[in-house]
Amino acid sequence: MVHVTYYMDVLSSWCFIAEDAVDAVRREFGDKLRLDWRIAQLNDGGPIDATVEKQFWWYRRTNHVTGTQLNAAWREGLNDSTFEPNLVAEAARTLGIVDDSVRRALSNAGLREGRHVQHRYISVQIASQVTGIPVERFGTAIGDYKTLERLMESTIAFRALPVEMVPTFVISNDVGDRAVLSGLYGVEALAGVIREMEHASARYEEFMAKEPEPA
């Protein structure tokens, strides 16, 4: 078994691009892979502190590198942050929605459609539409201290790593191997590391079945 902790921000452009790699490794490795996403807030949830003009420039650069054009129309000013959509994505987890549906819907709404998901009420509306869960229940989940606690703890855990960029993938297996990929979004890098770790795990298991470890 290989375990991947995927640190991401709902409104990170590079995390949006990395979702293709996430889907690809899930298809390839199936039940040999456990992949869990965790929020790592950009600027720790504080203001992005970059102009709307610069955001458009960043997205043109992303398009040049990846061929994917994102929409900076979600930005309104220097006080914009990614805190609210990340909080709503975490609230969905509190409500038992542990898949990717809410966080991806929020990412798509902001980064593709240019909707102002930095406002809580808009993010909650989107999450409610995706899940069928009433807006009021999302409000309760957002107010649950465990929701904010998880959001802050996962961001702190990310900051404790020797990395600065998302997406970050922390990859490990039951043999004790560990790798950290930060800023890399392509399937080749991610799948290659997982393949090597899965192979090592399988070979260790094969050996142990024939020759158990001495007491």
N, C-alpha and C. Protein backbone atom coordinates (compact mmCIF):
# COMPACT_ATOMS: atom_id res chain seq x y z
N MET A 1 0.84 -1.20 0.00
CA MET A 1 0.00 0.00 0.00
C MET A 1 0.88 1.25 0.00
N VAL A 2 0.55 2.19 -0.88
CA VAL A 2 1.23 3.48 -0.92
C VAL A 2 0.24 4.54 -0.47
N HIS A 3 0.69 5.42 0.39
CA HIS A 3 -0.16 6.49 0.92
C HIS A 3 0.34 7.83 0.41
N VAL A 4 -0.56 8.62 -0.16
CA VAL A 4 -0.23 9.95 -0.64
C VAL A 4 -1.08 10.97 0.10
N THR A 5 -0.43 11.92 0.75
CA THR A 5 -1.13 13.08 1.31
C THR A 5 -0.93 14.22 0.34
N TYR A 6 -2.04 14.71 -0.18
CA TYR A 6 -2.04 15.74 -1.22
C TYR A 6 -2.41 17.06 -0.58
N TYR A 7 -1.43 17.94 -0.40
CA TYR A 7 -1.68 19.26 0.17
C TYR A 7 -2.04 20.22 -0.96
N MET A 8 -3.19 20.88 -0.80
CA MET A 8 -3.70 21.72 -1.88
C MET A 8 -4.52 22.87 -1.32
N ASP A 9 -4.73 23.86 -2.18
CA ASP A 9 -5.62 24.98 -1.89
C ASP A 9 -6.68 24.99 -2.99
N VAL A 10 -7.91 25.20 -2.61
CA VAL A 10 -9.02 25.15 -3.55
C VAL A 10 -8.83 26.11 -4.72
N LEU A 11 -8.20 27.27 -4.47
CA LEU A 11 -8.04 28.27 -5.52
C LEU A 11 -6.60 28.39 -6.03
N SER A 12 -5.80 27.36 -5.80
CA SER A 12 -4.46 27.34 -6.37
C SER A 12 -4.53 26.89 -7.83
N SER A 13 -3.98 27.69 -8.71
CA SER A 13 -4.01 27.34 -10.13
C SER A 13 -3.26 26.04 -10.39
N TRP A 14 -2.12 25.85 -9.73
CA TRP A 14 -1.32 24.67 -9.99
C TRP A 14 -1.95 23.42 -9.39
N CYS A 15 -2.70 23.57 -8.31
CA CYS A 15 -3.46 22.43 -7.79
C CYS A 15 -4.57 22.05 -8.76
N PHE A 16 -5.18 23.06 -9.37
CA PHE A 16 -6.22 22.79 -10.38
C PHE A 16 -5.63 21.95 -11.51
N ILE A 17 -4.44 22.31 -11.96
CA ILE A 17 -3.78 21.56 -13.03
C ILE A 17 -3.41 20.16 -12.56
N ALA A 18 -3.01 20.02 -11.30
CA ALA A 18 -2.55 18.74 -10.76
C ALA A 18 -3.65 17.71 -10.63
N GLU A 19 -4.91 18.13 -10.68
CA GLU A 19 -6.01 17.17 -10.52
C GLU A 19 -5.99 16.09 -11.60
N ASP A 20 -5.47 16.40 -12.78
CA ASP A 20 -5.37 15.37 -13.82
C ASP A 20 -4.43 14.25 -13.37
N ALA A 21 -3.32 14.63 -12.73
CA ALA A 21 -2.39 13.62 -12.22
C ALA A 21 -3.01 12.81 -11.10
N VAL A 22 -3.77 13.49 -10.23
CA VAL A 22 -4.46 12.80 -9.14
C VAL A 22 -5.40 11.73 -9.70
N ASP A 23 -6.18 12.10 -10.70
CA ASP A 23 -7.12 11.14 -11.30
C ASP A 23 -6.36 10.00 -11.96
N ALA A 24 -5.26 10.31 -12.63
CA ALA A 24 -4.51 9.29 -13.36
C ALA A 24 -3.93 8.24 -12.43
N VAL A 25 -3.35 8.67 -11.30
CA VAL A 25 -2.75 7.67 -10.40
C VAL A 25 -3.83 6.87 -9.68
N ARG A 26 -4.96 7.47 -9.43
CA ARG A 26 -6.06 6.69 -8.84
C ARG A 26 -6.50 5.59 -9.79
N ARG A 27 -6.60 5.92 -11.07
CA ARG A 27 -6.99 4.90 -12.04
C ARG A 27 -5.94 3.80 -12.15
N GLU A 28 -4.68 4.19 -12.16
CA GLU A 28 -3.60 3.21 -12.36
C GLU A 28 -3.43 2.28 -11.18
N PHE A 29 -3.47 2.81 -9.97
CA PHE A 29 -3.11 2.01 -8.81
C PHE A 29 -4.30 1.47 -8.03
N GLY A 30 -5.48 2.03 -8.22
CA GLY A 30 -6.67 1.49 -7.58
C GLY A 30 -6.53 1.33 -6.09
N ASP A 31 -6.84 0.13 -5.60
CA ASP A 31 -6.84 -0.09 -4.16
C ASP A 31 -5.43 -0.30 -3.59
N LYS A 32 -4.40 -0.19 -4.43
CA LYS A 32 -3.03 -0.21 -3.93
C LYS A 32 -2.58 1.16 -3.45
N LEU A 33 -3.45 2.15 -3.66
CA LEU A 33 -3.12 3.54 -3.34
C LEU A 33 -4.17 4.13 -2.42
N ARG A 34 -3.70 4.81 -1.39
CA ARG A 34 -4.59 5.62 -0.56
C ARG A 34 -4.16 7.07 -0.71
N LEU A 35 -5.04 7.89 -1.28
CA LEU A 35 -4.73 9.31 -1.51
C LEU A 35 -5.72 10.16 -0.74
N ASP A 36 -5.19 10.97 0.17
CA ASP A 36 -6.00 11.86 0.99
C ASP A 36 -5.62 13.30 0.72
N TRP A 37 -6.61 14.15 0.48
CA TRP A 37 -6.32 15.57 0.28
C TRP A 37 -6.43 16.32 1.60
N ARG A 38 -5.56 17.30 1.74
CA ARG A 38 -5.54 18.15 2.91
C ARG A 38 -5.34 19.60 2.46
N ILE A 39 -6.02 20.51 3.13
CA ILE A 39 -5.93 21.92 2.77
C ILE A 39 -4.61 22.51 3.28
N ALA A 40 -3.94 23.23 2.40
CA ALA A 40 -2.76 24.03 2.77
C ALA A 40 -3.03 25.43 2.21
N GLN A 41 -3.56 26.30 3.04
CA GLN A 41 -4.05 27.59 2.57
C GLN A 41 -2.94 28.50 2.03
N LEU A 42 -3.20 29.07 0.88
CA LEU A 42 -2.28 30.08 0.36
C LEU A 42 -2.23 31.25 1.33
N ASN A 43 -1.03 31.71 1.61
CA ASN A 43 -0.83 32.83 2.56
C ASN A 43 -1.50 32.55 3.90
N ASP A 44 -1.58 31.27 4.25
CA ASP A 44 -2.20 30.87 5.53
C ASP A 44 -3.62 31.40 5.68
N GLY A 45 -4.30 31.60 4.57
CA GLY A 45 -5.67 32.08 4.59
C GLY A 45 -5.80 33.59 4.59
N GLY A 46 -4.69 34.29 4.59
CA GLY A 46 -4.72 35.76 4.57
C GLY A 46 -4.87 36.30 3.16
N PRO A 47 -4.92 37.63 3.02
CA PRO A 47 -5.09 38.25 1.69
C PRO A 47 -4.01 37.80 0.72
N ILE A 48 -4.40 37.66 -0.54
CA ILE A 48 -3.45 37.27 -1.58
C ILE A 48 -2.42 38.36 -1.78
N ASP A 49 -2.83 39.60 -1.57
CA ASP A 49 -1.90 40.73 -1.64
C ASP A 49 -1.20 40.83 -2.99
N ALA A 50 -1.97 40.64 -4.04
CA ALA A 50 -1.49 40.86 -5.41
C ALA A 50 -2.64 41.47 -6.19
N THR A 51 -2.32 42.32 -7.13
CA THR A 51 -3.36 43.00 -7.90
C THR A 51 -4.11 42.02 -8.79
N VAL A 52 -5.30 42.43 -9.18
CA VAL A 52 -6.08 41.63 -10.14
C VAL A 52 -5.31 41.51 -11.45
N GLU A 53 -4.65 42.58 -11.84
CA GLU A 53 -3.85 42.57 -13.08
C GLU A 53 -2.77 41.49 -13.01
N LYS A 54 -2.12 41.38 -11.87
CA LYS A 54 -1.08 40.37 -11.73
C LYS A 54 -1.66 38.97 -11.77
N GLN A 55 -2.88 38.80 -11.22
CA GLN A 55 -3.53 37.49 -11.25
C GLN A 55 -3.77 37.07 -12.70
N PHE A 56 -4.24 37.99 -13.51
CA PHE A 56 -4.44 37.68 -14.93
C PHE A 56 -3.10 37.30 -15.56
N TRP A 57 -2.02 37.99 -15.20
CA TRP A 57 -0.70 37.67 -15.73
C TRP A 57 -0.26 36.27 -15.31
N TRP A 58 -0.49 35.93 -14.01
CA TRP A 58 -0.16 34.59 -13.54
C TRP A 58 -0.87 33.53 -14.36
N TYR A 59 -2.14 33.77 -14.66
CA TYR A 59 -2.93 32.77 -15.38
C TYR A 59 -2.51 32.68 -16.85
N ARG A 60 -2.06 33.78 -17.42
CA ARG A 60 -1.52 33.70 -18.78
C ARG A 60 -0.24 32.86 -18.77
N ARG A 61 0.56 33.04 -17.74
CA ARG A 61 1.77 32.23 -17.60
C ARG A 61 1.41 30.75 -17.44
N THR A 62 0.43 30.44 -16.62
CA THR A 62 -0.02 29.06 -16.44
C THR A 62 -0.46 28.46 -17.77
N ASN A 63 -1.19 29.24 -18.55
CA ASN A 63 -1.65 28.78 -19.85
C ASN A 63 -0.47 28.50 -20.78
N HIS A 64 0.53 29.36 -20.73
CA HIS A 64 1.71 29.18 -21.57
C HIS A 64 2.44 27.87 -21.23
N VAL A 65 2.49 27.56 -19.93
CA VAL A 65 3.20 26.36 -19.48
C VAL A 65 2.38 25.10 -19.69
N THR A 66 1.07 25.16 -19.42
CA THR A 66 0.25 23.94 -19.37
C THR A 66 -0.79 23.82 -20.48
N GLY A 67 -1.11 24.94 -21.13
CA GLY A 67 -2.18 24.91 -22.13
C GLY A 67 -3.56 25.03 -21.53
N THR A 68 -3.65 25.34 -20.25
CA THR A 68 -4.93 25.51 -19.56
C THR A 68 -5.11 26.96 -19.17
N GLN A 69 -6.13 27.62 -19.73
CA GLN A 69 -6.40 29.02 -19.42
C GLN A 69 -7.39 29.13 -18.27
N LEU A 70 -7.00 29.79 -17.22
CA LEU A 70 -7.87 30.01 -16.07
C LEU A 70 -8.44 31.43 -16.13
N ASN A 71 -9.41 31.67 -15.26
CA ASN A 71 -10.18 32.91 -15.31
C ASN A 71 -9.99 33.70 -14.02
N ALA A 72 -9.30 34.82 -14.11
CA ALA A 72 -9.03 35.63 -12.92
C ALA A 72 -10.17 36.57 -12.56
N ALA A 73 -11.31 36.44 -13.22
CA ALA A 73 -12.44 37.32 -12.94
C ALA A 73 -13.00 37.13 -11.53
N TRP A 74 -12.61 36.04 -10.87
CA TRP A 74 -13.08 35.85 -9.49
C TRP A 74 -12.48 36.88 -8.55
N ARG A 75 -11.32 37.43 -8.92
CA ARG A 75 -10.65 38.42 -8.08
C ARG A 75 -11.39 39.76 -8.10
N GLU A 76 -11.40 40.42 -6.94
CA GLU A 76 -12.02 41.73 -6.81
C GLU A 76 -11.04 42.80 -6.32
N GLY A 77 -10.08 42.41 -5.47
CA GLY A 77 -9.17 43.41 -4.94
C GLY A 77 -8.12 42.78 -4.05
N LEU A 78 -7.34 43.61 -3.38
CA LEU A 78 -6.21 43.15 -2.59
C LEU A 78 -6.61 42.37 -1.35
N ASN A 79 -7.86 42.48 -0.93
CA ASN A 79 -8.31 41.77 0.27
C ASN A 79 -8.83 40.36 -0.02
N ASP A 80 -8.83 39.96 -1.28
CA ASP A 80 -9.28 38.61 -1.61
C ASP A 80 -8.39 37.58 -0.94
N SER A 81 -8.99 36.48 -0.49
CA SER A 81 -8.22 35.37 0.05
C SER A 81 -8.91 34.07 -0.35
N THR A 82 -8.23 32.97 -0.10
CA THR A 82 -8.80 31.67 -0.42
C THR A 82 -9.43 30.99 0.79
N PHE A 83 -9.51 31.70 1.90
CA PHE A 83 -9.95 31.11 3.16
C PHE A 83 -11.36 30.53 3.07
N GLU A 84 -12.32 31.30 2.56
CA GLU A 84 -13.72 30.86 2.61
C GLU A 84 -13.99 29.60 1.78
N PRO A 85 -13.54 29.50 0.53
CA PRO A 85 -13.80 28.25 -0.19
C PRO A 85 -13.09 27.05 0.44
N ASN A 86 -11.91 27.28 1.01
CA ASN A 86 -11.24 26.18 1.71
C ASN A 86 -12.03 25.76 2.93
N LEU A 87 -12.59 26.72 3.65
CA LEU A 87 -13.39 26.42 4.83
C LEU A 87 -14.65 25.65 4.45
N VAL A 88 -15.27 26.04 3.37
CA VAL A 88 -16.49 25.34 2.91
C VAL A 88 -16.14 23.92 2.48
N ALA A 89 -15.01 23.74 1.79
CA ALA A 89 -14.59 22.39 1.41
C ALA A 89 -14.37 21.52 2.64
N GLU A 90 -13.80 22.11 3.68
CA GLU A 90 -13.58 21.36 4.93
C GLU A 90 -14.90 21.10 5.65
N ALA A 91 -15.83 22.04 5.54
CA ALA A 91 -17.15 21.84 6.14
C ALA A 91 -17.87 20.66 5.50
N ALA A 92 -17.66 20.47 4.20
CA ALA A 92 -18.25 19.32 3.52
C ALA A 92 -17.74 18.02 4.14
N ARG A 93 -16.45 18.01 4.51
CA ARG A 93 -15.90 16.82 5.17
C ARG A 93 -16.59 16.58 6.50
N THR A 94 -16.87 17.67 7.24
CA THR A 94 -17.59 17.55 8.50
C THR A 94 -18.96 16.92 8.28
N LEU A 95 -19.55 17.19 7.14
CA LEU A 95 -20.88 16.66 6.82
C LEU A 95 -20.81 15.28 6.17
N GLY A 96 -19.63 14.71 6.13
CA GLY A 96 -19.49 13.35 5.62
C GLY A 96 -19.16 13.24 4.14
N ILE A 97 -18.94 14.39 3.48
CA ILE A 97 -18.58 14.38 2.06
C ILE A 97 -17.06 14.35 1.99
N VAL A 98 -16.49 13.16 1.84
CA VAL A 98 -15.04 13.01 1.92
C VAL A 98 -14.39 12.86 0.54
N ASP A 99 -15.20 12.90 -0.50
CA ASP A 99 -14.64 12.80 -1.85
C ASP A 99 -14.18 14.17 -2.33
N ASP A 100 -13.96 14.30 -3.64
CA ASP A 100 -13.43 15.54 -4.21
C ASP A 100 -14.52 16.48 -4.73
N SER A 101 -15.78 16.09 -4.62
CA SER A 101 -16.84 16.78 -5.34
C SER A 101 -16.96 18.26 -4.98
N VAL A 102 -16.95 18.58 -3.71
CA VAL A 102 -17.16 19.97 -3.30
C VAL A 102 -15.95 20.82 -3.63
N ARG A 103 -14.78 20.36 -3.24
CA ARG A 103 -13.59 21.18 -3.48
C ARG A 103 -13.37 21.40 -4.97
N ARG A 104 -13.65 20.40 -5.79
CA ARG A 104 -13.47 20.56 -7.23
C ARG A 104 -14.52 21.48 -7.83
N ALA A 105 -15.73 21.41 -7.32
CA ALA A 105 -16.78 22.31 -7.80
C ALA A 105 -16.42 23.76 -7.47
N LEU A 106 -15.88 23.98 -6.30
CA LEU A 106 -15.47 25.33 -5.91
C LEU A 106 -14.30 25.81 -6.76
N SER A 107 -13.34 24.94 -6.99
CA SER A 107 -12.20 25.30 -7.84
C SER A 107 -12.66 25.67 -9.24
N ASN A 108 -13.53 24.85 -9.80
CA ASN A 108 -14.01 25.10 -11.15
C ASN A 108 -14.79 26.39 -11.23
N ALA A 109 -15.63 26.63 -10.22
CA ALA A 109 -16.45 27.85 -10.21
C ALA A 109 -15.58 29.09 -10.18
N GLY A 110 -14.52 29.05 -9.38
CA GLY A 110 -13.65 30.21 -9.29
C GLY A 110 -12.69 30.33 -10.44
N LEU A 111 -11.94 29.25 -10.69
CA LEU A 111 -10.81 29.32 -11.61
C LEU A 111 -11.20 29.17 -13.08
N ARG A 112 -12.36 28.59 -13.35
CA ARG A 112 -12.82 28.45 -14.73
C ARG A 112 -13.94 29.44 -15.06
N GLU A 113 -14.90 29.52 -14.13
CA GLU A 113 -16.08 30.35 -14.39
C GLU A 113 -15.91 31.78 -13.89
N GLY A 114 -14.91 32.04 -13.07
CA GLY A 114 -14.67 33.38 -12.57
C GLY A 114 -15.66 33.85 -11.53
N ARG A 115 -16.33 32.93 -10.85
CA ARG A 115 -17.30 33.30 -9.83
C ARG A 115 -16.58 33.71 -8.55
N HIS A 116 -17.21 34.57 -7.77
CA HIS A 116 -16.57 35.15 -6.59
C HIS A 116 -16.69 34.22 -5.38
N VAL A 117 -16.00 33.09 -5.49
CA VAL A 117 -16.09 32.08 -4.43
C VAL A 117 -15.35 32.48 -3.17
N GLN A 118 -14.63 33.60 -3.20
CA GLN A 118 -13.98 34.07 -1.97
C GLN A 118 -15.01 34.58 -0.97
N HIS A 119 -16.27 34.71 -1.42
CA HIS A 119 -17.36 35.08 -0.51
C HIS A 119 -18.04 33.80 -0.03
N ARG A 120 -18.21 33.69 1.26
CA ARG A 120 -18.73 32.46 1.84
C ARG A 120 -20.09 32.08 1.27
N TYR A 121 -20.97 33.02 1.13
CA TYR A 121 -22.33 32.67 0.71
C TYR A 121 -22.34 32.07 -0.69
N ILE A 122 -21.44 32.49 -1.54
CA ILE A 122 -21.37 31.92 -2.89
C ILE A 122 -20.80 30.50 -2.83
N SER A 123 -19.74 30.31 -2.06
CA SER A 123 -19.16 28.97 -1.92
C SER A 123 -20.16 28.01 -1.29
N VAL A 124 -20.91 28.46 -0.32
CA VAL A 124 -21.90 27.60 0.33
C VAL A 124 -23.01 27.23 -0.66
N GLN A 125 -23.45 28.18 -1.47
CA GLN A 125 -24.47 27.87 -2.47
C GLN A 125 -23.99 26.79 -3.43
N ILE A 126 -22.74 26.91 -3.87
CA ILE A 126 -22.18 25.92 -4.80
C ILE A 126 -22.11 24.56 -4.14
N ALA A 127 -21.61 24.52 -2.91
CA ALA A 127 -21.49 23.25 -2.20
C ALA A 127 -22.86 22.61 -1.98
N SER A 128 -23.86 23.42 -1.68
CA SER A 128 -25.21 22.91 -1.47
C SER A 128 -25.77 22.32 -2.77
N GLN A 129 -25.53 23.00 -3.88
CA GLN A 129 -26.01 22.50 -5.16
C GLN A 129 -25.37 21.17 -5.54
N VAL A 130 -24.09 21.05 -5.26
CA VAL A 130 -23.35 19.84 -5.62
C VAL A 130 -23.80 18.65 -4.78
N THR A 131 -24.02 18.88 -3.49
CA THR A 131 -24.28 17.78 -2.57
C THR A 131 -25.76 17.53 -2.29
N GLY A 132 -26.60 18.55 -2.54
CA GLY A 132 -28.00 18.44 -2.15
C GLY A 132 -28.23 18.69 -0.68
N ILE A 133 -27.17 19.06 0.03
CA ILE A 133 -27.28 19.36 1.46
C ILE A 133 -27.72 20.81 1.63
N PRO A 134 -28.72 21.09 2.45
CA PRO A 134 -29.21 22.46 2.61
C PRO A 134 -28.13 23.43 3.06
N VAL A 135 -28.28 24.67 2.62
CA VAL A 135 -27.34 25.73 2.98
C VAL A 135 -27.21 25.84 4.49
N GLU A 136 -28.32 25.68 5.19
CA GLU A 136 -28.31 25.84 6.64
C GLU A 136 -27.38 24.81 7.31
N ARG A 137 -27.35 23.60 6.79
CA ARG A 137 -26.48 22.58 7.37
C ARG A 137 -25.01 22.91 7.12
N PHE A 138 -24.72 23.50 5.98
CA PHE A 138 -23.35 23.94 5.74
C PHE A 138 -22.97 25.04 6.73
N GLY A 139 -23.94 25.92 7.01
CA GLY A 139 -23.66 26.97 7.98
C GLY A 139 -23.32 26.40 9.34
N THR A 140 -24.04 25.36 9.74
CA THR A 140 -23.76 24.71 11.02
C THR A 140 -22.39 24.05 11.01
N ALA A 141 -22.05 23.38 9.90
CA ALA A 141 -20.76 22.69 9.80
C ALA A 141 -19.60 23.69 9.81
N ILE A 142 -19.80 24.84 9.18
CA ILE A 142 -18.77 25.87 9.19
C ILE A 142 -18.54 26.38 10.60
N GLY A 143 -19.62 26.47 11.38
CA GLY A 143 -19.51 26.94 12.76
C GLY A 143 -18.97 25.90 13.72
N ASP A 144 -18.87 24.65 13.28
CA ASP A 144 -18.34 23.58 14.12
C ASP A 144 -16.84 23.80 14.30
N TYR A 145 -16.36 23.88 15.52
CA TYR A 145 -14.95 24.19 15.77
C TYR A 145 -14.03 23.16 15.14
N LYS A 146 -14.50 21.91 14.95
CA LYS A 146 -13.67 20.87 14.38
C LYS A 146 -13.34 21.18 12.91
N THR A 147 -14.24 21.86 12.22
CA THR A 147 -14.00 22.22 10.82
C THR A 147 -12.81 23.17 10.73
N LEU A 148 -12.85 24.25 11.48
CA LEU A 148 -11.76 25.22 11.46
C LEU A 148 -10.49 24.60 12.02
N GLU A 149 -10.62 23.76 13.03
CA GLU A 149 -9.45 23.12 13.63
C GLU A 149 -8.71 22.27 12.60
N ARG A 150 -9.44 21.48 11.82
CA ARG A 150 -8.79 20.66 10.80
C ARG A 150 -8.13 21.53 9.73
N LEU A 151 -8.82 22.60 9.35
CA LEU A 151 -8.28 23.50 8.33
C LEU A 151 -6.96 24.12 8.81
N MET A 152 -6.92 24.55 10.04
CA MET A 152 -5.71 25.16 10.56
C MET A 152 -4.61 24.13 10.78
N GLU A 153 -4.99 22.95 11.29
CA GLU A 153 -3.99 21.91 11.56
C GLU A 153 -3.32 21.42 10.28
N SER A 154 -4.10 21.26 9.21
CA SER A 154 -3.50 20.77 7.96
C SER A 154 -2.59 21.83 7.35
N THR A 155 -2.96 23.10 7.49
CA THR A 155 -2.09 24.17 6.99
C THR A 155 -0.80 24.22 7.81
N ILE A 156 -0.90 24.06 9.12
CA ILE A 156 0.29 24.04 9.98
C ILE A 156 1.18 22.85 9.64
N ALA A 157 0.56 21.70 9.40
CA ALA A 157 1.35 20.50 9.04
C ALA A 157 2.10 20.74 7.74
N PHE A 158 1.45 21.39 6.79
CA PHE A 158 2.12 21.71 5.53
C PHE A 158 3.29 22.66 5.77
N ARG A 159 3.09 23.68 6.59
CA ARG A 159 4.16 24.65 6.86
C ARG A 159 5.34 24.01 7.58
N ALA A 160 5.11 22.89 8.24
CA ALA A 160 6.20 22.21 8.93
C ALA A 160 7.09 21.43 7.97
N LEU A 161 6.63 21.24 6.74
CA LEU A 161 7.44 20.55 5.74
C LEU A 161 8.49 21.50 5.18
N PRO A 162 9.57 20.96 4.64
CA PRO A 162 10.59 21.83 4.05
C PRO A 162 10.24 22.23 2.62
N VAL A 163 9.02 22.75 2.44
CA VAL A 163 8.53 23.14 1.12
C VAL A 163 7.75 24.44 1.25
N GLU A 164 7.47 25.05 0.12
CA GLU A 164 6.71 26.30 0.13
C GLU A 164 5.54 26.29 -0.84
N MET A 165 5.54 25.40 -1.81
CA MET A 165 4.57 25.47 -2.89
C MET A 165 3.56 24.33 -2.83
N VAL A 166 2.34 24.65 -3.27
CA VAL A 166 1.34 23.62 -3.54
C VAL A 166 1.18 23.55 -5.06
N PRO A 167 0.83 22.38 -5.59
CA PRO A 167 0.55 21.15 -4.85
C PRO A 167 1.82 20.54 -4.26
N THR A 168 1.63 19.90 -3.11
CA THR A 168 2.69 19.09 -2.51
C THR A 168 2.13 17.70 -2.25
N PHE A 169 2.88 16.69 -2.67
CA PHE A 169 2.50 15.30 -2.45
C PHE A 169 3.52 14.66 -1.51
N VAL A 170 3.06 14.19 -0.36
CA VAL A 170 3.91 13.44 0.55
C VAL A 170 3.56 11.97 0.35
N ILE A 171 4.53 11.20 -0.13
CA ILE A 171 4.29 9.83 -0.57
C ILE A 171 5.07 8.87 0.31
N SER A 172 4.42 7.84 0.82
CA SER A 172 5.10 6.87 1.68
C SER A 172 4.51 5.48 1.47
N ASN A 173 5.25 4.49 1.89
CA ASN A 173 4.74 3.11 1.84
C ASN A 173 4.99 2.43 3.17
N ASP A 174 4.54 1.17 3.27
CA ASP A 174 4.65 0.47 4.55
C ASP A 174 6.05 -0.06 4.81
N VAL A 175 6.96 0.14 3.86
CA VAL A 175 8.35 -0.25 4.05
C VAL A 175 9.13 0.84 4.78
N GLY A 176 8.61 2.07 4.72
CA GLY A 176 9.28 3.19 5.36
C GLY A 176 9.87 4.19 4.40
N ASP A 177 9.69 3.95 3.08
CA ASP A 177 10.15 4.92 2.10
C ASP A 177 9.27 6.16 2.15
N ARG A 178 9.88 7.31 1.86
CA ARG A 178 9.11 8.55 1.87
C ARG A 178 9.69 9.52 0.85
N ALA A 179 8.81 10.18 0.13
CA ALA A 179 9.23 11.18 -0.85
C ALA A 179 8.28 12.37 -0.77
N VAL A 180 8.80 13.55 -1.07
CA VAL A 180 8.00 14.76 -1.08
C VAL A 180 8.18 15.44 -2.43
N LEU A 181 7.09 15.63 -3.14
CA LEU A 181 7.10 16.35 -4.41
C LEU A 181 6.35 17.65 -4.20
N SER A 182 7.00 18.76 -4.39
CA SER A 182 6.38 20.06 -4.15
C SER A 182 6.46 20.92 -5.40
N GLY A 183 5.30 21.38 -5.85
CA GLY A 183 5.24 22.21 -7.04
C GLY A 183 5.15 21.42 -8.32
N LEU A 184 5.44 20.13 -8.27
CA LEU A 184 5.35 19.28 -9.46
C LEU A 184 3.91 18.83 -9.63
N TYR A 185 3.40 18.96 -10.83
CA TYR A 185 1.98 18.70 -11.06
C TYR A 185 1.73 17.60 -12.08
N GLY A 186 2.77 17.11 -12.74
CA GLY A 186 2.59 16.14 -13.82
C GLY A 186 2.46 14.72 -13.32
N VAL A 187 1.75 13.91 -14.10
CA VAL A 187 1.52 12.53 -13.72
C VAL A 187 2.81 11.72 -13.77
N GLU A 188 3.75 12.09 -14.65
CA GLU A 188 4.97 11.30 -14.78
C GLU A 188 5.74 11.25 -13.46
N ALA A 189 5.93 12.41 -12.83
CA ALA A 189 6.67 12.46 -11.57
C ALA A 189 5.93 11.72 -10.46
N LEU A 190 4.65 11.98 -10.31
CA LEU A 190 3.87 11.39 -9.23
C LEU A 190 3.74 9.88 -9.40
N ALA A 191 3.36 9.45 -10.59
CA ALA A 191 3.17 8.02 -10.83
C ALA A 191 4.48 7.26 -10.73
N GLY A 192 5.58 7.88 -11.18
CA GLY A 192 6.87 7.21 -11.11
C GLY A 192 7.28 6.87 -9.70
N VAL A 193 7.10 7.83 -8.78
CA VAL A 193 7.45 7.59 -7.38
C VAL A 193 6.53 6.52 -6.78
N ILE A 194 5.25 6.59 -7.09
CA ILE A 194 4.30 5.61 -6.55
C ILE A 194 4.64 4.22 -7.06
N ARG A 195 4.97 4.11 -8.34
CA ARG A 195 5.33 2.80 -8.90
C ARG A 195 6.51 2.19 -8.16
N GLU A 196 7.54 3.00 -7.93
CA GLU A 196 8.72 2.48 -7.24
C GLU A 196 8.38 2.04 -5.82
N MET A 197 7.59 2.83 -5.13
CA MET A 197 7.24 2.47 -3.75
C MET A 197 6.33 1.25 -3.71
N GLU A 198 5.42 1.15 -4.66
CA GLU A 198 4.52 -0.01 -4.71
C GLU A 198 5.32 -1.26 -5.01
N HIS A 199 6.28 -1.15 -5.92
CA HIS A 199 7.13 -2.29 -6.26
C HIS A 199 7.93 -2.74 -5.04
N ALA A 200 8.52 -1.78 -4.31
CA ALA A 200 9.29 -2.13 -3.12
C ALA A 200 8.42 -2.84 -2.09
N SER A 201 7.21 -2.33 -1.89
CA SER A 201 6.30 -2.94 -0.91
C SER A 201 5.97 -4.38 -1.30
N ALA A 202 5.69 -4.58 -2.59
CA ALA A 202 5.33 -5.91 -3.07
C ALA A 202 6.49 -6.89 -2.91
N ARG A 203 7.71 -6.44 -3.21
CA ARG A 203 8.87 -7.31 -3.10
C ARG A 203 9.19 -7.64 -1.64
N TYR A 204 9.05 -6.65 -0.76
CA TYR A 204 9.24 -6.90 0.67
C TYR A 204 8.23 -7.94 1.16
N GLU A 205 6.99 -7.77 0.77
CA GLU A 205 5.94 -8.70 1.20
C GLU A 205 6.22 -10.11 0.68
N GLU A 206 6.67 -10.20 -0.55
CA GLU A 206 7.00 -11.49 -1.16
C GLU A 206 8.12 -12.19 -0.39
N PHE A 207 9.15 -11.40 -0.06
CA PHE A 207 10.29 -11.97 0.68
C PHE A 207 9.87 -12.42 2.07
N MET A 208 9.10 -11.57 2.78
CA MET A 208 8.69 -11.89 4.14
C MET A 208 7.83 -13.13 4.20
N ALA A 209 7.05 -13.36 3.13
CA ALA A 209 6.21 -14.56 3.10
C ALA A 209 7.07 -15.82 3.04
N LYS A 210 8.23 -15.74 2.39
CA LYS A 210 9.12 -16.89 2.26
C LYS A 210 10.07 -17.00 3.44
N GLU A 211 10.48 -15.85 3.96
CA GLU A 211 11.49 -15.84 5.02
C GLU A 211 11.13 -14.78 6.06
N PRO A 212 10.33 -15.16 7.05
CA PRO A 212 9.91 -14.20 8.09
C PRO A 212 11.11 -13.63 8.85
N GLU A 213 10.96 -12.43 9.32
CA GLU A 213 12.01 -11.78 10.08
C GLU A 213 12.29 -12.52 11.37
N PRO A 214 13.55 -12.75 11.70
CA PRO A 214 13.86 -13.45 12.95
C PRO A 214 13.40 -12.64 14.16
N ALA A 215 13.09 -13.35 15.23
CA ALA A 215 12.65 -12.68 16.47
C ALA A 215 13.80 -11.90 17.06
